[in-house]
Amino acid sequence: MIKVVAMNFVKEEKLDEFISAAQQLVQDTRQKDLGCLRYELLQDVKTPRLLTMLEEWEDQESLNKHMEAKHFKEAVALFADLVEKPGKINLYKTLA
């Protein structure tokens, strides 16, 4: 199992647009991507412009296919104009 934590630092004036696009990505991913066990959008309570995607994938192959999917590539291209700086992405594997 692969877990992903993808943090995004969104421009203040673009927050609503980012949330809308990210919600669509969540919906598309849940419906279309095999091997997706969890895919959700979270907003930091203290820093509302910090939006994080929490993901769980059956395996690396499933995650790789997701990253090649049309809906993912389109969202990433859109997000580029909505964020202050590049996001931070961490991949994890379960040990215990």
PDB file of N, CA and C in Angstrom:
ATOM      1  N   MET A   1       0.853  -1.179   0.000  1.00  0.00           N
ATOM      2  CA  MET A   1       0.000   0.000   0.000  1.00  0.00           C
ATOM      3  C   MET A   1       0.896   1.239   0.000  1.00  0.00           C
ATOM      4  N   ILE A   2       0.510   2.220  -0.794  1.00  0.00           N
ATOM      5  CA  ILE A   2       1.215   3.496  -0.874  1.00  0.00           C
ATOM      6  C   ILE A   2       0.277   4.586  -0.359  1.00  0.00           C
ATOM      7  N   LYS A   3       0.808   5.433   0.504  1.00  0.00           N
ATOM      8  CA  LYS A   3       0.043   6.574   1.012  1.00  0.00           C
ATOM      9  C   LYS A   3       0.729   7.851   0.548  1.00  0.00           C
ATOM     10  N   VAL A   4      -0.090   8.830   0.175  1.00  0.00           N
ATOM     11  CA  VAL A   4       0.417  10.100  -0.337  1.00  0.00           C
ATOM     12  C   VAL A   4      -0.158  11.235   0.498  1.00  0.00           C
ATOM     13  N   VAL A   5       0.705  12.183   0.841  1.00  0.00           N
ATOM     14  CA  VAL A   5       0.296  13.427   1.482  1.00  0.00           C
ATOM     15  C   VAL A   5       0.809  14.544   0.566  1.00  0.00           C
ATOM     16  N   ALA A   6      -0.115  15.237  -0.085  1.00  0.00           N
ATOM     17  CA  ALA A   6       0.246  16.290  -1.034  1.00  0.00           C
ATOM     18  C   ALA A   6      -0.283  17.631  -0.520  1.00  0.00           C
ATOM     19  N   MET A   7       0.645  18.474  -0.065  1.00  0.00           N
ATOM     20  CA  MET A   7       0.287  19.771   0.521  1.00  0.00           C
ATOM     21  C   MET A   7       0.381  20.868  -0.536  1.00  0.00           C
ATOM     22  N   ASN A   8      -0.632  21.738  -0.562  1.00  0.00           N
ATOM     23  CA  ASN A   8      -0.695  22.828  -1.528  1.00  0.00           C
ATOM     24  C   ASN A   8      -0.884  24.155  -0.803  1.00  0.00           C
ATOM     25  N   PHE A   9      -0.062  25.131  -1.155  1.00  0.00           N
ATOM     26  CA  PHE A   9      -0.126  26.461  -0.555  1.00  0.00           C
ATOM     27  C   PHE A   9      -0.794  27.395  -1.563  1.00  0.00           C
ATOM     28  N   VAL A  10      -2.075  27.639  -1.367  1.00  0.00           N
ATOM     29  CA  VAL A  10      -2.925  28.296  -2.357  1.00  0.00           C
ATOM     30  C   VAL A  10      -2.926  29.808  -2.162  1.00  0.00           C
ATOM     31  N   LYS A  11      -2.932  30.534  -3.293  1.00  0.00           N
ATOM     32  CA  LYS A  11      -3.056  31.990  -3.254  1.00  0.00           C
ATOM     33  C   LYS A  11      -4.403  32.348  -2.628  1.00  0.00           C
ATOM     34  N   GLU A  12      -4.404  33.378  -1.790  1.00  0.00           N
ATOM     35  CA  GLU A  12      -5.625  33.750  -1.069  1.00  0.00           C
ATOM     36  C   GLU A  12      -6.786  34.020  -2.010  1.00  0.00           C
ATOM     37  N   GLU A  13      -6.529  34.753  -3.073  1.00  0.00           N
ATOM     38  CA  GLU A  13      -7.602  35.125  -3.999  1.00  0.00           C
ATOM     39  C   GLU A  13      -8.035  33.962  -4.903  1.00  0.00           C
ATOM     40  N   LYS A  14      -7.322  32.859  -4.848  1.00  0.00           N
ATOM     41  CA  LYS A  14      -7.625  31.695  -5.687  1.00  0.00           C
ATOM     42  C   LYS A  14      -8.155  30.499  -4.885  1.00  0.00           C
ATOM     43  N   LEU A  15      -8.406  30.714  -3.602  1.00  0.00           N
ATOM     44  CA  LEU A  15      -8.786  29.610  -2.718  1.00  0.00           C
ATOM     45  C   LEU A  15     -10.063  28.901  -3.187  1.00  0.00           C
ATOM     46  N   ASP A  16     -11.109  29.646  -3.466  1.00  0.00           N
ATOM     47  CA  ASP A  16     -12.374  29.030  -3.882  1.00  0.00           C
ATOM     48  C   ASP A  16     -12.213  28.259  -5.185  1.00  0.00           C
ATOM     49  N   GLU A  17     -11.450  28.820  -6.114  1.00  0.00           N
ATOM     50  CA  GLU A  17     -11.231  28.160  -7.403  1.00  0.00           C
ATOM     51  C   GLU A  17     -10.450  26.851  -7.207  1.00  0.00           C
ATOM     52  N   PHE A  18      -9.445  26.889  -6.347  1.00  0.00           N
ATOM     53  CA  PHE A  18      -8.662  25.684  -6.082  1.00  0.00           C
ATOM     54  C   PHE A  18      -9.546  24.616  -5.447  1.00  0.00           C
ATOM     55  N   ILE A  19     -10.319  24.999  -4.450  1.00  0.00           N
ATOM     56  CA  ILE A  19     -11.185  24.033  -3.763  1.00  0.00           C
ATOM     57  C   ILE A  19     -12.151  23.384  -4.745  1.00  0.00           C
ATOM     58  N   SER A  20     -12.751  24.168  -5.594  1.00  0.00           N
ATOM     59  CA  SER A  20     -13.690  23.627  -6.572  1.00  0.00           C
ATOM     60  C   SER A  20     -13.010  22.628  -7.504  1.00  0.00           C
ATOM     61  N   ALA A  21     -11.849  22.994  -8.020  1.00  0.00           N
ATOM     62  CA  ALA A  21     -11.120  22.101  -8.926  1.00  0.00           C
ATOM     63  C   ALA A  21     -10.651  20.846  -8.200  1.00  0.00           C
ATOM     64  N   ALA A  22     -10.200  20.996  -6.967  1.00  0.00           N
ATOM     65  CA  ALA A  22      -9.728  19.851  -6.190  1.00  0.00           C
ATOM     66  C   ALA A  22     -10.884  18.909  -5.847  1.00  0.00           C
ATOM     67  N   GLN A  23     -12.050  19.457  -5.552  1.00  0.00           N
ATOM     68  CA  GLN A  23     -13.208  18.618  -5.270  1.00  0.00           C
ATOM     69  C   GLN A  23     -13.588  17.796  -6.503  1.00  0.00           C
ATOM     70  N   GLN A  24     -13.467  18.409  -7.682  1.00  0.00           N
ATOM     71  CA  GLN A  24     -13.748  17.672  -8.917  1.00  0.00           C
ATOM     72  C   GLN A  24     -12.721  16.566  -9.123  1.00  0.00           C
ATOM     73  N   LEU A  25     -11.457  16.856  -8.815  1.00  0.00           N
ATOM     74  CA  LEU A  25     -10.413  15.835  -8.930  1.00  0.00           C
ATOM     75  C   LEU A  25     -10.693  14.669  -7.989  1.00  0.00           C
ATOM     76  N   VAL A  26     -11.104  14.964  -6.774  1.00  0.00           N
ATOM     77  CA  VAL A  26     -11.446  13.902  -5.821  1.00  0.00           C
ATOM     78  C   VAL A  26     -12.560  13.033  -6.386  1.00  0.00           C
ATOM     79  N   GLN A  27     -13.604  13.663  -6.887  1.00  0.00           N
ATOM     80  CA  GLN A  27     -14.740  12.910  -7.438  1.00  0.00           C
ATOM     81  C   GLN A  27     -14.300  12.052  -8.627  1.00  0.00           C
ATOM     82  N   ASP A  28     -13.551  12.644  -9.549  1.00  0.00           N
ATOM     83  CA  ASP A  28     -13.102  11.899 -10.733  1.00  0.00           C
ATOM     84  C   ASP A  28     -12.199  10.734 -10.347  1.00  0.00           C
ATOM     85  N   THR A  29     -11.302  10.975  -9.415  1.00  0.00           N
ATOM     86  CA  THR A  29     -10.369   9.932  -8.994  1.00  0.00           C
ATOM     87  C   THR A  29     -11.100   8.779  -8.340  1.00  0.00           C
ATOM     88  N   ARG A  30     -12.012   9.081  -7.454  1.00  0.00           N
ATOM     89  CA  ARG A  30     -12.769   8.018  -6.775  1.00  0.00           C
ATOM     90  C   ARG A  30     -13.575   7.180  -7.763  1.00  0.00           C
ATOM     91  N   GLN A  31     -14.094   7.822  -8.806  1.00  0.00           N
ATOM     92  CA  GLN A  31     -14.940   7.126  -9.769  1.00  0.00           C
ATOM     93  C   GLN A  31     -14.143   6.373 -10.833  1.00  0.00           C
ATOM     94  N   LYS A  32     -12.989   6.897 -11.205  1.00  0.00           N
ATOM     95  CA  LYS A  32     -12.307   6.401 -12.400  1.00  0.00           C
ATOM     96  C   LYS A  32     -11.024   5.618 -12.156  1.00  0.00           C
ATOM     97  N   ASP A  33     -10.361   5.803 -11.051  1.00  0.00           N
ATOM     98  CA  ASP A  33      -9.027   5.236 -10.880  1.00  0.00           C
ATOM     99  C   ASP A  33      -9.041   3.956 -10.056  1.00  0.00           C
ATOM    100  N   LEU A  34      -8.752   2.859 -10.719  1.00  0.00           N
ATOM    101  CA  LEU A  34      -8.666   1.572 -10.043  1.00  0.00           C
ATOM    102  C   LEU A  34      -7.493   1.582  -9.074  1.00  0.00           C
ATOM    103  N   GLY A  35      -7.663   0.945  -7.961  1.00  0.00           N
ATOM    104  CA  GLY A  35      -6.596   0.867  -6.968  1.00  0.00           C
ATOM    105  C   GLY A  35      -6.599   2.007  -5.974  1.00  0.00           C
ATOM    106  N   CYS A  36      -7.537   2.942  -6.128  1.00  0.00           N
ATOM    107  CA  CYS A  36      -7.652   4.061  -5.191  1.00  0.00           C
ATOM    108  C   CYS A  36      -8.468   3.605  -3.989  1.00  0.00           C
ATOM    109  N   LEU A  37      -7.847   3.614  -2.829  1.00  0.00           N
ATOM    110  CA  LEU A  37      -8.520   3.213  -1.605  1.00  0.00           C
ATOM    111  C   LEU A  37      -9.044   4.405  -0.815  1.00  0.00           C
ATOM    112  N   ARG A  38      -8.370   5.538  -0.976  1.00  0.00           N
ATOM    113  CA  ARG A  38      -8.760   6.756  -0.243  1.00  0.00           C
ATOM    114  C   ARG A  38      -8.235   7.949  -1.028  1.00  0.00           C
ATOM    115  N   TYR A  39      -9.066   8.972  -1.145  1.00  0.00           N
ATOM    116  CA  TYR A  39      -8.657  10.196  -1.835  1.00  0.00           C
ATOM    117  C   TYR A  39      -9.533  11.310  -1.285  1.00  0.00           C
ATOM    118  N   GLU A  40      -8.936  12.187  -0.503  1.00  0.00           N
ATOM    119  CA  GLU A  40      -9.740  13.237   0.111  1.00  0.00           C
ATOM    120  C   GLU A  40      -8.971  14.547   0.189  1.00  0.00           C
ATOM    121  N   LEU A  41      -9.721  15.620   0.203  1.00  0.00           N
ATOM    122  CA  LEU A  41      -9.192  16.969   0.296  1.00  0.00           C
ATOM    123  C   LEU A  41      -9.415  17.487   1.711  1.00  0.00           C
ATOM    124  N   LEU A  42      -8.343  17.982   2.333  1.00  0.00           N
ATOM    125  CA  LEU A  42      -8.421  18.522   3.685  1.00  0.00           C
ATOM    126  C   LEU A  42      -7.936  19.966   3.701  1.00  0.00           C
ATOM    127  N   GLN A  43      -8.521  20.760   4.601  1.00  0.00           N
ATOM    128  CA  GLN A  43      -8.120  22.154   4.775  1.00  0.00           C
ATOM    129  C   GLN A  43      -7.583  22.332   6.190  1.00  0.00           C
ATOM    130  N   ASP A  44      -6.403  22.917   6.293  1.00  0.00           N
ATOM    131  CA  ASP A  44      -5.791  23.157   7.590  1.00  0.00           C
ATOM    132  C   ASP A  44      -6.638  24.143   8.385  1.00  0.00           C
ATOM    133  N   VAL A  45      -6.881  23.851   9.650  1.00  0.00           N
ATOM    134  CA  VAL A  45      -7.732  24.681  10.498  1.00  0.00           C
ATOM    135  C   VAL A  45      -7.084  26.036  10.791  1.00  0.00           C
ATOM    136  N   LYS A  46      -5.791  26.043  11.055  1.00  0.00           N
ATOM    137  CA  LYS A  46      -5.099  27.292  11.399  1.00  0.00           C
ATOM    138  C   LYS A  46      -4.643  28.078  10.178  1.00  0.00           C
ATOM    139  N   THR A  47      -4.393  27.390   9.079  1.00  0.00           N
ATOM    140  CA  THR A  47      -3.925  28.031   7.846  1.00  0.00           C
ATOM    141  C   THR A  47      -4.837  27.568   6.710  1.00  0.00           C
ATOM    142  N   PRO A  48      -5.974  28.231   6.521  1.00  0.00           N
ATOM    143  CA  PRO A  48      -6.974  27.765   5.558  1.00  0.00           C
ATOM    144  C   PRO A  48      -6.485  27.674   4.111  1.00  0.00           C
ATOM    145  N   ARG A  49      -5.412  28.381   3.795  1.00  0.00           N
ATOM    146  CA  ARG A  49      -4.895  28.317   2.427  1.00  0.00           C
ATOM    147  C   ARG A  49      -3.978  27.107   2.214  1.00  0.00           C
ATOM    148  N   LEU A  50      -3.771  26.319   3.245  1.00  0.00           N
ATOM    149  CA  LEU A  50      -3.015  25.076   3.133  1.00  0.00           C
ATOM    150  C   LEU A  50      -4.010  23.937   2.935  1.00  0.00           C
ATOM    151  N   LEU A  51      -4.057  23.430   1.724  1.00  0.00           N
ATOM    152  CA  LEU A  51      -4.977  22.357   1.371  1.00  0.00           C
ATOM    153  C   LEU A  51      -4.165  21.105   1.062  1.00  0.00           C
ATOM    154  N   THR A  52      -4.592  19.994   1.620  1.00  0.00           N
ATOM    155  CA  THR A  52      -3.830  18.756   1.507  1.00  0.00           C
ATOM    156  C   THR A  52      -4.695  17.642   0.960  1.00  0.00           C
ATOM    157  N   MET A  53      -4.117  16.898   0.035  1.00  0.00           N
ATOM    158  CA  MET A  53      -4.761  15.697  -0.479  1.00  0.00           C
ATOM    159  C   MET A  53      -4.166  14.507   0.280  1.00  0.00           C
ATOM    160  N   LEU A  54      -5.030  13.694   0.885  1.00  0.00           N
ATOM    161  CA  LEU A  54      -4.614  12.448   1.514  1.00  0.00           C
ATOM    162  C   LEU A  54      -5.078  11.310   0.620  1.00  0.00           C
ATOM    163  N   GLU A  55      -4.127  10.446   0.281  1.00  0.00           N
ATOM    164  CA  GLU A  55      -4.426   9.384  -0.670  1.00  0.00           C
ATOM    165  C   GLU A  55      -3.902   8.046  -0.162  1.00  0.00           C
ATOM    166  N   GLU A  56      -4.598   6.989  -0.526  1.00  0.00           N
ATOM    167  CA  GLU A  56      -4.117   5.631  -0.303  1.00  0.00           C
ATOM    168  C   GLU A  56      -4.343   4.854  -1.590  1.00  0.00           C
ATOM    169  N   TRP A  57      -3.303   4.143  -1.996  1.00  0.00           N
ATOM    170  CA  TRP A  57      -3.333   3.368  -3.235  1.00  0.00           C
ATOM    171  C   TRP A  57      -2.936   1.929  -2.950  1.00  0.00           C
ATOM    172  N   GLU A  58      -3.531   1.007  -3.677  1.00  0.00           N
ATOM    173  CA  GLU A  58      -3.218  -0.413  -3.498  1.00  0.00           C
ATOM    174  C   GLU A  58      -1.733  -0.678  -3.711  1.00  0.00           C
ATOM    175  N   ASP A  59      -1.157  -0.014  -4.725  1.00  0.00           N
ATOM    176  CA  ASP A  59       0.246  -0.243  -5.057  1.00  0.00           C
ATOM    177  C   ASP A  59       0.771   0.917  -5.896  1.00  0.00           C
ATOM    178  N   GLN A  60       2.059   0.894  -6.151  1.00  0.00           N
ATOM    179  CA  GLN A  60       2.696   1.966  -6.917  1.00  0.00           C
ATOM    180  C   GLN A  60       2.145   2.043  -8.344  1.00  0.00           C
ATOM    181  N   GLU A  61       1.838   0.900  -8.916  1.00  0.00           N
ATOM    182  CA  GLU A  61       1.292   0.874 -10.278  1.00  0.00           C
ATOM    183  C   GLU A  61      -0.027   1.643 -10.360  1.00  0.00           C
ATOM    184  N   SER A  62      -0.893   1.474  -9.376  1.00  0.00           N
ATOM    185  CA  SER A  62      -2.169   2.200  -9.348  1.00  0.00           C
ATOM    186  C   SER A  62      -1.931   3.698  -9.251  1.00  0.00           C
ATOM    187  N   LEU A  63      -0.995   4.106  -8.406  1.00  0.00           N
ATOM    188  CA  LEU A  63      -0.661   5.528  -8.277  1.00  0.00           C
ATOM    189  C   LEU A  63      -0.091   6.065  -9.583  1.00  0.00           C
ATOM    190  N   ASN A  64       0.779   5.302 -10.220  1.00  0.00           N
ATOM    191  CA  ASN A  64       1.369   5.739 -11.490  1.00  0.00           C
ATOM    192  C   ASN A  64       0.289   5.944 -12.550  1.00  0.00           C
ATOM    193  N   LYS A  65      -0.674   5.041 -12.627  1.00  0.00           N
ATOM    194  CA  LYS A  65      -1.761   5.173 -13.601  1.00  0.00           C
ATOM    195  C   LYS A  65      -2.598   6.408 -13.295  1.00  0.00           C
ATOM    196  N   HIS A  66      -2.829   6.686 -12.027  1.00  0.00           N
ATOM    197  CA  HIS A  66      -3.559   7.893 -11.635  1.00  0.00           C
ATOM    198  C   HIS A  66      -2.833   9.137 -12.132  1.00  0.00           C
ATOM    199  N   MET A  67      -1.523   9.175 -11.954  1.00  0.00           N
ATOM    200  CA  MET A  67      -0.751  10.350 -12.354  1.00  0.00           C
ATOM    201  C   MET A  67      -0.688  10.527 -13.877  1.00  0.00           C
ATOM    202  N   GLU A  68      -1.024   9.496 -14.621  1.00  0.00           N
ATOM    203  CA  GLU A  68      -1.087   9.584 -16.078  1.00  0.00           C
ATOM    204  C   GLU A  68      -2.508   9.850 -16.595  1.00  0.00           C
ATOM    205  N   ALA A  69      -3.485   9.812 -15.703  1.00  0.00           N
ATOM    206  CA  ALA A  69      -4.887   9.996 -16.099  1.00  0.00           C
ATOM    207  C   ALA A  69      -5.154  11.429 -16.546  1.00  0.00           C
ATOM    208  N   LYS A  70      -6.034  11.562 -17.508  1.00  0.00           N
ATOM    209  CA  LYS A  70      -6.377  12.876 -18.049  1.00  0.00           C
ATOM    210  C   LYS A  70      -6.873  13.824 -16.962  1.00  0.00           C
ATOM    211  N   HIS A  71      -7.769  13.366 -16.098  1.00  0.00           N
ATOM    212  CA  HIS A  71      -8.329  14.243 -15.073  1.00  0.00           C
ATOM    213  C   HIS A  71      -7.256  14.733 -14.100  1.00  0.00           C
ATOM    214  N   PHE A  72      -6.259  13.891 -13.815  1.00  0.00           N
ATOM    215  CA  PHE A  72      -5.182  14.310 -12.917  1.00  0.00           C
ATOM    216  C   PHE A  72      -4.285  15.338 -13.602  1.00  0.00           C
ATOM    217  N   LYS A  73      -3.892  15.078 -14.825  1.00  0.00           N
ATOM    218  CA  LYS A  73      -3.005  16.002 -15.547  1.00  0.00           C
ATOM    219  C   LYS A  73      -3.662  17.368 -15.744  1.00  0.00           C
ATOM    220  N   GLU A  74      -4.943  17.376 -16.049  1.00  0.00           N
ATOM    221  CA  GLU A  74      -5.664  18.642 -16.221  1.00  0.00           C
ATOM    222  C   GLU A  74      -5.726  19.417 -14.906  1.00  0.00           C
ATOM    223  N   ALA A  75      -5.964  18.730 -13.810  1.00  0.00           N
ATOM    224  CA  ALA A  75      -6.027  19.392 -12.502  1.00  0.00           C
ATOM    225  C   ALA A  75      -4.673  19.970 -12.117  1.00  0.00           C
ATOM    226  N   VAL A  76      -3.621  19.215 -12.314  1.00  0.00           N
ATOM    227  CA  VAL A  76      -2.276  19.687 -11.966  1.00  0.00           C
ATOM    228  C   VAL A  76      -1.928  20.935 -12.777  1.00  0.00           C
ATOM    229  N   ALA A  77      -2.279  20.954 -14.046  1.00  0.00           N
ATOM    230  CA  ALA A  77      -2.018  22.129 -14.880  1.00  0.00           C
ATOM    231  C   ALA A  77      -2.787  23.341 -14.366  1.00  0.00           C
ATOM    232  N   LEU A  78      -4.021  23.151 -13.962  1.00  0.00           N
ATOM    233  CA  LEU A  78      -4.831  24.241 -13.417  1.00  0.00           C
ATOM    234  C   LEU A  78      -4.275  24.716 -12.079  1.00  0.00           C
ATOM    235  N   PHE A  79      -3.896  23.791 -11.223  1.00  0.00           N
ATOM    236  CA  PHE A  79      -3.379  24.142  -9.899  1.00  0.00           C
ATOM    237  C   PHE A  79      -2.134  25.022  -9.984  1.00  0.00           C
ATOM    238  N   ALA A  80      -1.340  24.874 -11.028  1.00  0.00           N
ATOM    239  CA  ALA A  80      -0.090  25.621 -11.157  1.00  0.00           C
ATOM    240  C   ALA A  80      -0.311  27.129 -11.060  1.00  0.00           C
ATOM    241  N   ASP A  81      -1.446  27.606 -11.564  1.00  0.00           N
ATOM    242  CA  ASP A  81      -1.749  29.045 -11.530  1.00  0.00           C
ATOM    243  C   ASP A  81      -2.437  29.487 -10.236  1.00  0.00           C
ATOM    244  N   LEU A  82      -2.788  28.537  -9.389  1.00  0.00           N
ATOM    245  CA  LEU A  82      -3.566  28.852  -8.197  1.00  0.00           C
ATOM    246  C   LEU A  82      -2.748  28.796  -6.908  1.00  0.00           C
ATOM    247  N   VAL A  83      -1.523  28.309  -6.981  1.00  0.00           N
ATOM    248  CA  VAL A  83      -0.698  28.130  -5.785  1.00  0.00           C
ATOM    249  C   VAL A  83       0.404  29.186  -5.699  1.00  0.00           C
ATOM    250  N   GLU A  84       0.818  29.461  -4.459  1.00  0.00           N
ATOM    251  CA  GLU A  84       1.881  30.438  -4.206  1.00  0.00           C
ATOM    252  C   GLU A  84       3.253  29.900  -4.554  1.00  0.00           C
ATOM    253  N   LYS A  85       3.444  28.604  -4.315  1.00  0.00           N
ATOM    254  CA  LYS A  85       4.739  27.960  -4.511  1.00  0.00           C
ATOM    255  C   LYS A  85       4.496  26.486  -4.775  1.00  0.00           C
ATOM    256  N   PRO A  86       5.500  25.789  -5.250  1.00  0.00           N
ATOM    257  CA  PRO A  86       5.311  24.354  -5.487  1.00  0.00           C
ATOM    258  C   PRO A  86       4.869  23.639  -4.219  1.00  0.00           C
ATOM    259  N   GLY A  87       4.026  22.661  -4.389  1.00  0.00           N
ATOM    260  CA  GLY A  87       3.533  21.892  -3.262  1.00  0.00           C
ATOM    261  C   GLY A  87       4.586  20.947  -2.724  1.00  0.00           C
ATOM    262  N   LYS A  88       4.249  20.330  -1.631  1.00  0.00           N
ATOM    263  CA  LYS A  88       5.130  19.353  -0.995  1.00  0.00           C
ATOM    264  C   LYS A  88       4.418  18.010  -1.024  1.00  0.00           C
ATOM    265  N   ILE A  89       5.082  17.006  -1.585  1.00  0.00           N
ATOM    266  CA  ILE A  89       4.466  15.692  -1.715  1.00  0.00           C
ATOM    267  C   ILE A  89       5.352  14.661  -1.029  1.00  0.00           C
ATOM    268  N   ASN A  90       4.739  13.904  -0.139  1.00  0.00           N
ATOM    269  CA  ASN A  90       5.435  12.811   0.547  1.00  0.00           C
ATOM    270  C   ASN A  90       4.708  11.506   0.244  1.00  0.00           C
ATOM    271  N   LEU A  91       5.493  10.460  -0.046  1.00  0.00           N
ATOM    272  CA  LEU A  91       4.965   9.125  -0.261  1.00  0.00           C
ATOM    273  C   LEU A  91       5.379   8.256   0.919  1.00  0.00           C
ATOM    274  N   TYR A  92       4.458   7.422   1.375  1.00  0.00           N
ATOM    275  CA  TYR A  92       4.714   6.578   2.532  1.00  0.00           C
ATOM    276  C   TYR A  92       4.330   5.149   2.226  1.00  0.00           C
ATOM    277  N   LYS A  93       5.006   4.225   2.891  1.00  0.00           N
ATOM    278  CA  LYS A  93       4.584   2.822   2.889  1.00  0.00           C
ATOM    279  C   LYS A  93       4.358   2.425   4.342  1.00  0.00           C
ATOM    280  N   THR A  94       3.412   1.552   4.551  1.00  0.00           N
ATOM    281  CA  THR A  94       3.072   1.118   5.912  1.00  0.00           C
ATOM    282  C   THR A  94       4.089   0.094   6.394  1.00  0.00           C
ATOM    283  N   LEU A  95       4.592   0.296   7.601  1.00  0.00           N
ATOM    284  CA  LEU A  95       5.562  -0.622   8.202  1.00  0.00           C
ATOM    285  C   LEU A  95       4.946  -1.506   9.273  1.00  0.00           C
ATOM    286  N   ALA A  96       3.953  -1.019   9.974  1.00  0.00           N
ATOM    287  CA  ALA A  96       3.335  -1.802  11.041  1.00  0.00           C
ATOM    288  C   ALA A  96       1.880  -1.425  11.190  1.00  0.00           C
TER     289      ALA A  96
END
